């Protein structure tokens, strides 16, 4: 996987409010939300799309929105 997001995986983070949104929207419970997201990003069936200032990462449970310059996980949404 040659991808800018994967190359900067160690820089991915979120805010306390972002963590709450991710857990709520994807209905997950884990101790380390950022680490959970990183594990999802590394899966072989993950699809990445860069649109403007954000990365959209399509994982099994939904879509992660990550700021492309700061590598902040902004939010996550389940598929409709």
PDB file of N, CA and C in Angstrom:
ATOM      1  N   UNK A   1       0.839  -1.184   0.000  1.00  0.00           N
ATOM      2  CA  UNK A   1       0.000   0.000   0.000  1.00  0.00           C
ATOM      3  C   UNK A   1       0.880   1.242   0.000  1.00  0.00           C
ATOM      4  N   UNK A   2       0.978   1.891  -1.103  1.00  0.00           N
ATOM      5  CA  UNK A   2       1.726   3.137  -1.162  1.00  0.00           C
ATOM      6  C   UNK A   2       0.726   4.283  -1.091  1.00  0.00           C
ATOM      7  N   UNK A   3       0.619   4.867   0.052  1.00  0.00           N
ATOM      8  CA  UNK A   3      -0.376   5.906   0.265  1.00  0.00           C
ATOM      9  C   UNK A   3       0.173   6.923   1.259  1.00  0.00           C
ATOM     10  N   UNK A   4      -0.056   8.190   0.968  1.00  0.00           N
ATOM     11  CA  UNK A   4       0.431   9.258   1.843  1.00  0.00           C
ATOM     12  C   UNK A   4      -0.074   9.093   3.270  1.00  0.00           C
ATOM     13  N   UNK A   5      -1.308   8.662   3.418  1.00  0.00           N
ATOM     14  CA  UNK A   5      -1.891   8.489   4.746  1.00  0.00           C
ATOM     15  C   UNK A   5      -1.166   7.380   5.520  1.00  0.00           C
ATOM     16  N   UNK A   6      -0.883   6.282   4.845  1.00  0.00           N
ATOM     17  CA  UNK A   6      -0.165   5.170   5.486  1.00  0.00           C
ATOM     18  C   UNK A   6       1.259   5.598   5.854  1.00  0.00           C
ATOM     19  N   UNK A   7       1.873   6.381   4.980  1.00  0.00           N
ATOM     20  CA  UNK A   7       3.238   6.846   5.241  1.00  0.00           C
ATOM     21  C   UNK A   7       3.311   7.739   6.474  1.00  0.00           C
ATOM     22  N   UNK A   8       2.203   8.390   6.821  1.00  0.00           N
ATOM     23  CA  UNK A   8       2.165   9.274   7.986  1.00  0.00           C
ATOM     24  C   UNK A   8       1.262   8.728   9.096  1.00  0.00           C
ATOM     25  N   UNK A   9       1.140   7.429   9.165  1.00  0.00           N
ATOM     26  CA  UNK A   9       0.246   6.780  10.131  1.00  0.00           C
ATOM     27  C   UNK A   9       0.527   7.212  11.569  1.00  0.00           C
ATOM     28  N   UNK A  10       1.810   7.402  11.893  1.00  0.00           N
ATOM     29  CA  UNK A  10       2.171   7.769  13.272  1.00  0.00           C
ATOM     30  C   UNK A  10       1.677   9.166  13.641  1.00  0.00           C
ATOM     31  N   UNK A  11       1.338   9.989  12.634  1.00  0.00           N
ATOM     32  CA  UNK A  11       0.875  11.355  12.893  1.00  0.00           C
ATOM     33  C   UNK A  11      -0.640  11.447  13.098  1.00  0.00           C
ATOM     34  N   UNK A  12      -1.349  10.363  12.818  1.00  0.00           N
ATOM     35  CA  UNK A  12      -2.809  10.386  12.929  1.00  0.00           C
ATOM     36  C   UNK A  12      -3.213  10.510  14.396  1.00  0.00           C
ATOM     37  N   UNK A  13      -4.145  11.422  14.648  1.00  0.00           N
ATOM     38  CA  UNK A  13      -4.627  11.674  16.008  1.00  0.00           C
ATOM     39  C   UNK A  13      -6.052  12.215  15.908  1.00  0.00           C
ATOM     40  N   UNK A  14      -6.658  12.458  17.053  1.00  0.00           N
ATOM     41  CA  UNK A  14      -7.974  13.097  17.081  1.00  0.00           C
ATOM     42  C   UNK A  14      -8.089  13.937  18.345  1.00  0.00           C
ATOM     43  N   UNK A  15      -9.145  14.695  18.414  1.00  0.00           N
ATOM     44  CA  UNK A  15      -9.425  15.506  19.600  1.00  0.00           C
ATOM     45  C   UNK A  15     -10.330  14.706  20.532  1.00  0.00           C
ATOM     46  N   UNK A  16     -10.490  15.141  21.771  1.00  0.00           N
ATOM     47  CA  UNK A  16     -11.433  14.452  22.660  1.00  0.00           C
ATOM     48  C   UNK A  16     -12.856  14.409  22.073  1.00  0.00           C
ATOM     49  N   UNK A  17     -13.289  15.510  21.463  1.00  0.00           N
ATOM     50  CA  UNK A  17     -14.624  15.523  20.850  1.00  0.00           C
ATOM     51  C   UNK A  17     -14.681  14.599  19.631  1.00  0.00           C
ATOM     52  N   UNK A  18     -13.589  14.539  18.885  1.00  0.00           N
ATOM     53  CA  UNK A  18     -13.525  13.637  17.735  1.00  0.00           C
ATOM     54  C   UNK A  18     -13.651  12.192  18.176  1.00  0.00           C
ATOM     55  N   UNK A  19     -13.007  11.862  19.272  1.00  0.00           N
ATOM     56  CA  UNK A  19     -13.079  10.504  19.804  1.00  0.00           C
ATOM     57  C   UNK A  19     -14.517  10.136  20.170  1.00  0.00           C
ATOM     58  N   UNK A  20     -15.212  11.060  20.796  1.00  0.00           N
ATOM     59  CA  UNK A  20     -16.615  10.836  21.165  1.00  0.00           C
ATOM     60  C   UNK A  20     -17.463  10.606  19.905  1.00  0.00           C
ATOM     61  N   UNK A  21     -17.261  11.453  18.877  1.00  0.00           N
ATOM     62  CA  UNK A  21     -18.027  11.327  17.620  1.00  0.00           C
ATOM     63  C   UNK A  21     -17.781   9.988  16.936  1.00  0.00           C
ATOM     64  N   UNK A  22     -16.519   9.587  16.870  1.00  0.00           N
ATOM     65  CA  UNK A  22     -16.169   8.326  16.210  1.00  0.00           C
ATOM     66  C   UNK A  22     -16.852   7.155  16.907  1.00  0.00           C
ATOM     67  N   UNK A  23     -16.714   7.099  18.230  1.00  0.00           N
ATOM     68  CA  UNK A  23     -17.318   5.999  18.994  1.00  0.00           C
ATOM     69  C   UNK A  23     -18.833   5.975  18.843  1.00  0.00           C
ATOM     70  N   UNK A  24     -19.445   7.149  18.929  1.00  0.00           N
ATOM     71  CA  UNK A  24     -20.901   7.239  18.833  1.00  0.00           C
ATOM     72  C   UNK A  24     -21.390   6.863  17.437  1.00  0.00           C
ATOM     73  N   UNK A  25     -20.789   7.475  16.419  1.00  0.00           N
ATOM     74  CA  UNK A  25     -21.268   7.268  15.053  1.00  0.00           C
ATOM     75  C   UNK A  25     -21.040   5.853  14.530  1.00  0.00           C
ATOM     76  N   UNK A  26     -19.926   5.228  14.921  1.00  0.00           N
ATOM     77  CA  UNK A  26     -19.648   3.862  14.456  1.00  0.00           C
ATOM     78  C   UNK A  26     -20.089   2.813  15.466  1.00  0.00           C
ATOM     79  N   UNK A  27     -20.595   3.260  16.596  1.00  0.00           N
ATOM     80  CA  UNK A  27     -21.070   2.375  17.663  1.00  0.00           C
ATOM     81  C   UNK A  27     -19.998   1.368  18.077  1.00  0.00           C
ATOM     82  N   UNK A  28     -18.828   1.905  18.392  1.00  0.00           N
ATOM     83  CA  UNK A  28     -17.732   1.059  18.854  1.00  0.00           C
ATOM     84  C   UNK A  28     -17.396   1.425  20.290  1.00  0.00           C
ATOM     85  N   UNK A  29     -16.801   0.493  20.986  1.00  0.00           N
ATOM     86  CA  UNK A  29     -16.282   0.786  22.317  1.00  0.00           C
ATOM     87  C   UNK A  29     -14.878   0.189  22.379  1.00  0.00           C
ATOM     88  N   UNK A  30     -13.915   1.039  22.607  1.00  0.00           N
ATOM     89  CA  UNK A  30     -12.531   0.599  22.711  1.00  0.00           C
ATOM     90  C   UNK A  30     -11.792   1.592  23.601  1.00  0.00           C
ATOM     91  N   UNK A  31     -10.655   1.189  24.104  1.00  0.00           N
ATOM     92  CA  UNK A  31      -9.879   2.058  24.985  1.00  0.00           C
ATOM     93  C   UNK A  31      -9.123   3.131  24.213  1.00  0.00           C
ATOM     94  N   UNK A  32      -8.631   2.773  23.017  1.00  0.00           N
ATOM     95  CA  UNK A  32      -7.815   3.692  22.232  1.00  0.00           C
ATOM     96  C   UNK A  32      -8.421   3.835  20.842  1.00  0.00           C
ATOM     97  N   UNK A  33      -9.226   4.847  20.659  1.00  0.00           N
ATOM     98  CA  UNK A  33      -9.942   5.054  19.400  1.00  0.00           C
ATOM     99  C   UNK A  33      -8.987   5.306  18.238  1.00  0.00           C
ATOM    100  N   UNK A  34      -7.944   6.075  18.472  1.00  0.00           N
ATOM    101  CA  UNK A  34      -6.984   6.369  17.403  1.00  0.00           C
ATOM    102  C   UNK A  34      -6.297   5.081  16.954  1.00  0.00           C
ATOM    103  N   UNK A  35      -5.896   4.263  17.892  1.00  0.00           N
ATOM    104  CA  UNK A  35      -5.241   2.998  17.534  1.00  0.00           C
ATOM    105  C   UNK A  35      -6.214   2.094  16.780  1.00  0.00           C
ATOM    106  N   UNK A  36      -7.465   2.073  17.189  1.00  0.00           N
ATOM    107  CA  UNK A  36      -8.486   1.291  16.482  1.00  0.00           C
ATOM    108  C   UNK A  36      -8.602   1.776  15.038  1.00  0.00           C
ATOM    109  N   UNK A  37      -8.637   3.092  14.844  1.00  0.00           N
ATOM    110  CA  UNK A  37      -8.737   3.664  13.496  1.00  0.00           C
ATOM    111  C   UNK A  37      -7.508   3.306  12.668  1.00  0.00           C
ATOM    112  N   UNK A  38      -6.325   3.386  13.265  1.00  0.00           N
ATOM    113  CA  UNK A  38      -5.096   3.035  12.553  1.00  0.00           C
ATOM    114  C   UNK A  38      -5.133   1.576  12.095  1.00  0.00           C
ATOM    115  N   UNK A  39      -5.636   0.693  12.951  1.00  0.00           N
ATOM    116  CA  UNK A  39      -5.745  -0.722  12.581  1.00  0.00           C
ATOM    117  C   UNK A  39      -6.700  -0.898  11.401  1.00  0.00           C
ATOM    118  N   UNK A  40      -7.790  -0.138  11.407  1.00  0.00           N
ATOM    119  CA  UNK A  40      -8.749  -0.212  10.296  1.00  0.00           C
ATOM    120  C   UNK A  40      -8.109   0.301   9.005  1.00  0.00           C
ATOM    121  N   UNK A  41      -7.337   1.375   9.107  1.00  0.00           N
ATOM    122  CA  UNK A  41      -6.669   1.961   7.951  1.00  0.00           C
ATOM    123  C   UNK A  41      -5.698   0.968   7.323  1.00  0.00           C
ATOM    124  N   UNK A  42      -5.038   0.174   8.129  1.00  0.00           N
ATOM    125  CA  UNK A  42      -4.021  -0.759   7.639  1.00  0.00           C
ATOM    126  C   UNK A  42      -4.594  -2.027   7.004  1.00  0.00           C
ATOM    127  N   UNK A  43      -5.881  -2.265   7.139  1.00  0.00           N
ATOM    128  CA  UNK A  43      -6.471  -3.473   6.559  1.00  0.00           C
ATOM    129  C   UNK A  43      -6.394  -3.421   5.036  1.00  0.00           C
ATOM    130  N   UNK A  44      -6.216  -4.588   4.426  1.00  0.00           N
ATOM    131  CA  UNK A  44      -5.996  -4.647   2.982  1.00  0.00           C
ATOM    132  C   UNK A  44      -7.215  -4.243   2.162  1.00  0.00           C
ATOM    133  N   UNK A  45      -8.413  -4.334   2.724  1.00  0.00           N
ATOM    134  CA  UNK A  45      -9.614  -3.986   1.958  1.00  0.00           C
ATOM    135  C   UNK A  45     -10.043  -2.523   2.140  1.00  0.00           C
ATOM    136  N   UNK A  46      -9.215  -1.729   2.820  1.00  0.00           N
ATOM    137  CA  UNK A  46      -9.514  -0.315   3.041  1.00  0.00           C
ATOM    138  C   UNK A  46      -9.294   0.477   1.754  1.00  0.00           C
ATOM    139  N   UNK A  47     -10.211   1.388   1.478  1.00  0.00           N
ATOM    140  CA  UNK A  47     -10.126   2.240   0.287  1.00  0.00           C
ATOM    141  C   UNK A  47      -9.923   3.680   0.742  1.00  0.00           C
ATOM    142  N   UNK A  48      -8.996   4.377   0.077  1.00  0.00           N
ATOM    143  CA  UNK A  48      -8.672   5.767   0.410  1.00  0.00           C
ATOM    144  C   UNK A  48      -9.070   6.668  -0.743  1.00  0.00           C
ATOM    145  N   UNK A  49      -9.578   7.854  -0.396  1.00  0.00           N
ATOM    146  CA  UNK A  49      -9.904   8.838  -1.415  1.00  0.00           C
ATOM    147  C   UNK A  49      -9.589  10.217  -0.853  1.00  0.00           C
ATOM    148  N   UNK A  50      -8.812  10.978  -1.605  1.00  0.00           N
ATOM    149  CA  UNK A  50      -8.514  12.347  -1.168  1.00  0.00           C
ATOM    150  C   UNK A  50      -9.390  13.303  -1.955  1.00  0.00           C
ATOM    151  N   UNK A  51     -10.151  14.093  -1.223  1.00  0.00           N
ATOM    152  CA  UNK A  51     -10.990  15.129  -1.819  1.00  0.00           C
ATOM    153  C   UNK A  51     -10.643  16.433  -1.116  1.00  0.00           C
ATOM    154  N   UNK A  52     -10.028  17.363  -1.846  1.00  0.00           N
ATOM    155  CA  UNK A  52      -9.666  18.640  -1.254  1.00  0.00           C
ATOM    156  C   UNK A  52      -8.767  18.486  -0.056  1.00  0.00           C
ATOM    157  N   UNK A  53      -9.199  19.032   1.073  1.00  0.00           N
ATOM    158  CA  UNK A  53      -8.353  19.039   2.274  1.00  0.00           C
ATOM    159  C   UNK A  53      -8.499  17.801   3.146  1.00  0.00           C
ATOM    160  N   UNK A  54      -9.325  16.847   2.749  1.00  0.00           N
ATOM    161  CA  UNK A  54      -9.579  15.673   3.587  1.00  0.00           C
ATOM    162  C   UNK A  54      -9.314  14.360   2.859  1.00  0.00           C
ATOM    163  N   UNK A  55      -8.957  13.376   3.665  1.00  0.00           N
ATOM    164  CA  UNK A  55      -8.943  11.987   3.227  1.00  0.00           C
ATOM    165  C   UNK A  55     -10.246  11.355   3.675  1.00  0.00           C
ATOM    166  N   UNK A  56     -10.831  10.532   2.825  1.00  0.00           N
ATOM    167  CA  UNK A  56     -12.005   9.743   3.184  1.00  0.00           C
ATOM    168  C   UNK A  56     -11.558   8.289   3.125  1.00  0.00           C
ATOM    169  N   UNK A  57     -11.653   7.632   4.263  1.00  0.00           N
ATOM    170  CA  UNK A  57     -11.162   6.267   4.396  1.00  0.00           C
ATOM    171  C   UNK A  57     -12.366   5.358   4.583  1.00  0.00           C
ATOM    172  N   UNK A  58     -12.566   4.475   3.621  1.00  0.00           N
ATOM    173  CA  UNK A  58     -13.724   3.582   3.620  1.00  0.00           C
ATOM    174  C   UNK A  58     -13.333   2.272   4.290  1.00  0.00           C
ATOM    175  N   UNK A  59     -13.867   2.077   5.496  1.00  0.00           N
ATOM    176  CA  UNK A  59     -13.609   0.863   6.267  1.00  0.00           C
ATOM    177  C   UNK A  59     -14.905   0.052   6.342  1.00  0.00           C
ATOM    178  N   UNK A  60     -14.832  -1.096   6.965  1.00  0.00           N
ATOM    179  CA  UNK A  60     -15.997  -1.982   7.020  1.00  0.00           C
ATOM    180  C   UNK A  60     -17.224  -1.323   7.664  1.00  0.00           C
ATOM    181  N   UNK A  61     -17.020  -0.560   8.738  1.00  0.00           N
ATOM    182  CA  UNK A  61     -18.147   0.023   9.480  1.00  0.00           C
ATOM    183  C   UNK A  61     -18.624   1.358   8.937  1.00  0.00           C
ATOM    184  N   UNK A  62     -17.815   2.025   8.107  1.00  0.00           N
ATOM    185  CA  UNK A  62     -18.217   3.337   7.627  1.00  0.00           C
ATOM    186  C   UNK A  62     -17.062   4.102   7.019  1.00  0.00           C
ATOM    187  N   UNK A  63     -17.139   5.416   7.110  1.00  0.00           N
ATOM    188  CA  UNK A  63     -16.159   6.296   6.482  1.00  0.00           C
ATOM    189  C   UNK A  63     -15.507   7.177   7.547  1.00  0.00           C
ATOM    190  N   UNK A  64     -14.178   7.138   7.596  1.00  0.00           N
ATOM    191  CA  UNK A  64     -13.428   8.038   8.463  1.00  0.00           C
ATOM    192  C   UNK A  64     -13.058   9.270   7.654  1.00  0.00           C
ATOM    193  N   UNK A  65     -13.198  10.445   8.241  1.00  0.00           N
ATOM    194  CA  UNK A  65     -12.783  11.688   7.597  1.00  0.00           C
ATOM    195  C   UNK A  65     -11.552  12.198   8.332  1.00  0.00           C
ATOM    196  N   UNK A  66     -10.443  12.327   7.589  1.00  0.00           N
ATOM    197  CA  UNK A  66      -9.170  12.720   8.187  1.00  0.00           C
ATOM    198  C   UNK A  66      -8.624  13.937   7.457  1.00  0.00           C
ATOM    199  N   UNK A  67      -8.270  14.967   8.201  1.00  0.00           N
ATOM    200  CA  UNK A  67      -7.678  16.161   7.604  1.00  0.00           C
ATOM    201  C   UNK A  67      -6.330  15.785   6.989  1.00  0.00           C
ATOM    202  N   UNK A  68      -6.130  16.169   5.733  1.00  0.00           N
ATOM    203  CA  UNK A  68      -4.954  15.737   4.983  1.00  0.00           C
ATOM    204  C   UNK A  68      -3.663  16.441   5.398  1.00  0.00           C
ATOM    205  N   UNK A  69      -3.745  17.618   5.975  1.00  0.00           N
ATOM    206  CA  UNK A  69      -2.511  18.305   6.357  1.00  0.00           C
ATOM    207  C   UNK A  69      -2.134  18.078   7.817  1.00  0.00           C
ATOM    208  N   UNK A  70      -3.128  18.003   8.695  1.00  0.00           N
ATOM    209  CA  UNK A  70      -2.851  17.828  10.126  1.00  0.00           C
ATOM    210  C   UNK A  70      -2.969  16.362  10.566  1.00  0.00           C
ATOM    211  N   UNK A  71      -3.530  15.504   9.720  1.00  0.00           N
ATOM    212  CA  UNK A  71      -3.757  14.080  10.038  1.00  0.00           C
ATOM    213  C   UNK A  71      -4.641  13.898  11.273  1.00  0.00           C
ATOM    214  N   UNK A  72      -5.612  14.798  11.421  1.00  0.00           N
ATOM    215  CA  UNK A  72      -6.579  14.711  12.512  1.00  0.00           C
ATOM    216  C   UNK A  72      -7.810  13.964  12.026  1.00  0.00           C
ATOM    217  N   UNK A  73      -8.209  12.938  12.761  1.00  0.00           N
ATOM    218  CA  UNK A  73      -9.463  12.257  12.433  1.00  0.00           C
ATOM    219  C   UNK A  73     -10.574  13.189  12.905  1.00  0.00           C
ATOM    220  N   UNK A  74     -11.321  13.704  11.951  1.00  0.00           N
ATOM    221  CA  UNK A  74     -12.348  14.693  12.256  1.00  0.00           C
ATOM    222  C   UNK A  74     -13.622  14.014  12.739  1.00  0.00           C
ATOM    223  N   UNK A  75     -14.052  13.002  11.991  1.00  0.00           N
ATOM    224  CA  UNK A  75     -15.289  12.312  12.337  1.00  0.00           C
ATOM    225  C   UNK A  75     -15.343  10.979  11.610  1.00  0.00           C
ATOM    226  N   UNK A  76     -16.411  10.258  11.850  1.00  0.00           N
ATOM    227  CA  UNK A  76     -16.673   8.991  11.164  1.00  0.00           C
ATOM    228  C   UNK A  76     -18.177   8.882  10.998  1.00  0.00           C
ATOM    229  N   UNK A  77     -18.586   8.272   9.894  1.00  0.00           N
ATOM    230  CA  UNK A  77     -20.005   8.079   9.635  1.00  0.00           C
ATOM    231  C   UNK A  77     -20.254   6.662   9.166  1.00  0.00           C
ATOM    232  N   UNK A  78     -21.319   6.051   9.633  1.00  0.00           N
ATOM    233  CA  UNK A  78     -21.670   4.720   9.100  1.00  0.00           C
ATOM    234  C   UNK A  78     -22.200   4.866   7.672  1.00  0.00           C
ATOM    235  N   UNK A  79     -22.166   3.792   6.925  1.00  0.00           N
ATOM    236  CA  UNK A  79     -22.748   3.803   5.586  1.00  0.00           C
ATOM    237  C   UNK A  79     -24.250   3.921   5.691  1.00  0.00           C
ATOM    238  N   UNK A  80     -24.858   4.580   4.722  1.00  0.00           N
ATOM    239  CA  UNK A  80     -26.313   4.728   4.726  1.00  0.00           C
ATOM    240  C   UNK A  80     -26.959   3.645   3.916  1.00  0.00           C
TER     241      UNK A  80
END
